[in-house]
Protein backbone atom coordinates (compact mmCIF):
# COMPACT_ATOMS: atom_id res chain seq x y z
CA MET A 1 41.96 -18.14 -0.02
CA THR A 2 43.17 -16.51 3.16
CA PRO A 3 41.87 -17.49 6.58
CA ASP A 4 40.28 -14.04 6.95
CA ALA A 5 38.37 -14.49 3.69
CA ILE A 6 37.14 -17.90 4.81
CA SER A 7 36.09 -16.49 8.18
CA SER A 8 34.21 -13.54 6.64
CA SER A 9 32.41 -15.75 4.11
CA SER A 10 31.50 -18.12 6.93
CA THR A 11 30.16 -15.21 8.98
CA ALA A 12 28.14 -13.96 6.01
CA ALA A 13 26.69 -17.42 5.47
CA LYS A 14 25.72 -17.68 9.14
CA SER A 15 24.10 -14.24 9.00
CA ARG A 16 22.05 -15.24 5.95
CA MET A 17 21.03 -18.47 7.65
CA ILE A 18 19.91 -16.60 10.77
CA MET A 19 18.01 -14.08 8.63
CA ARG A 20 16.37 -16.95 6.72
CA TRP A 21 15.14 -18.57 9.94
CA ILE A 22 13.87 -15.24 11.29
CA ALA A 23 12.02 -14.72 8.00
CA ARG A 24 10.60 -18.24 8.19
CA ALA A 25 9.44 -17.70 11.78
CA LEU A 26 7.71 -14.46 10.77
CA LEU A 27 6.24 -16.26 7.76
CA ALA A 28 4.84 -18.96 10.04
CA ILE A 29 3.28 -16.32 12.33
CA TRP A 30 1.83 -14.42 9.36
CA THR A 31 0.42 -17.64 7.87
CA ALA A 32 -1.02 -18.83 11.19
CA PHE A 33 -2.78 -15.51 11.71
CA TRP A 34 -4.37 -15.51 8.27
CA LEU A 35 -5.38 -19.17 8.52
CA TRP A 36 -6.96 -18.48 11.90
CA PHE A 37 -8.71 -15.38 10.53
CA ASN A 38 -10.17 -17.24 7.56
CA VAL A 39 -11.29 -20.24 9.60
CA ALA A 40 -12.87 -17.95 12.23
CA SER A 41 -14.61 -16.01 9.46
CA MET A 42 -15.97 -19.25 7.98
CA ILE A 43 -17.36 -20.24 11.38
CA GLY A 44 -18.78 -16.81 12.20
CA GLU A 45 -20.39 -15.92 8.89
CA ALA A 46 -23.48 -17.43 7.38
CA ASP A 47 -22.17 -17.05 3.84
CA GLY A 48 -18.78 -16.62 2.27
CA HIS A 49 -17.42 -20.03 3.23
CA ILE A 50 -15.97 -20.66 -0.21
CA HIS A 51 -14.25 -17.27 -0.29
CA HIS A 52 -12.57 -17.78 3.09
CA LEU A 53 -11.63 -21.36 2.29
CA ARG A 54 -10.06 -20.19 -0.98
CA MET A 55 -8.13 -17.42 0.81
CA ALA A 56 -6.89 -19.88 3.44
CA LEU A 57 -5.66 -22.26 0.74
CA ILE A 58 -3.95 -19.43 -1.17
CA THR A 59 -2.26 -18.25 2.03
CA LEU A 60 -1.07 -21.76 2.80
CA CYS A 61 0.23 -22.31 -0.75
CA VAL A 62 2.10 -18.99 -0.73
CA ALA A 63 3.66 -19.85 2.63
CA ILE A 64 4.76 -23.29 1.47
CA ALA A 65 6.20 -21.85 -1.72
CA ALA A 66 7.99 -19.09 0.19
CA TRP A 67 9.47 -21.64 2.59
CA ARG A 68 10.71 -23.81 -0.26
CA TRP A 69 11.72 -21.05 -2.72
CA PRO A 70 12.50 -17.92 -0.68
CA ARG A 71 13.17 -15.58 -3.62
CA ALA A 72 10.03 -16.45 -5.54
CA GLY A 73 7.92 -16.62 -2.39
CA GLY A 74 9.37 -13.34 -1.17
CA ALA A 75 8.47 -11.69 -4.45
CA VAL A 76 4.91 -13.04 -4.21
CA LEU A 77 4.59 -11.75 -0.64
CA ILE A 78 5.87 -8.31 -1.65
CA LEU A 79 3.42 -8.27 -4.56
CA ALA A 80 0.58 -9.29 -2.21
CA GLY A 81 1.55 -6.51 0.19
CA VAL A 82 1.64 -3.90 -2.57
CA LEU A 83 -1.74 -5.07 -3.90
CA ALA A 84 -3.21 -4.95 -0.38
CA ALA A 85 -1.87 -1.41 0.05
CA LEU A 86 -3.48 -0.38 -3.23
CA ALA A 87 -6.77 -2.11 -2.40
CA PHE A 88 -7.00 -0.61 1.09
CA PRO A 89 -5.53 2.93 0.97
CA ASN A 90 -5.87 3.45 4.70
CA VAL A 91 -2.86 3.82 7.02
CA ALA A 92 -4.18 1.26 9.51
CA ALA A 93 -5.00 -1.25 6.78
CA ILE A 94 -1.62 -0.78 5.15
CA SER A 95 0.12 -1.25 8.50
CA LEU A 96 -1.81 -4.40 9.35
CA LEU A 97 -2.35 -6.00 5.95
CA ALA A 98 0.40 -4.88 3.62
CA LEU A 99 3.44 -4.13 5.75
CA PRO A 100 3.89 -7.59 7.33
CA ALA A 101 3.79 -9.29 3.93
CA VAL A 102 6.29 -6.83 2.46
CA VAL A 103 8.67 -7.17 5.43
CA VAL A 104 8.56 -10.96 5.39
CA GLY A 105 8.96 -11.01 1.61
CA ALA A 106 11.95 -8.68 1.75
CA LEU A 107 13.61 -10.73 4.49
CA LEU A 108 13.11 -13.91 2.49
CA MET A 109 14.60 -12.36 -0.63
CA LEU A 110 17.57 -10.93 1.28
CA SER A 111 18.25 -14.20 3.09
CA ARG A 112 19.17 -16.07 -0.09
């Protein structure tokens, strides 16, 4: 292997590592927002505690899985984003609900 080949593969590995940590940071922000949202909804609503608790646990499990297994977790996040876009066919809802999950999922899949 030539020194140039070693250098370019090293640069590619560093780029993937940086992308992985950016994806993980965005994943942590996305997860924190949805955990906060579900906890705040549990506090503010008289009913629906079980639903919000379940959604918080699902969000946390997806985030942990995506952190540990970026390809599988990225695919799950992309699927969640697509399903959110189909469930809420509104531009604002798609921008706020679906797009962040799809972007984070794509970054996780590309970082591996």
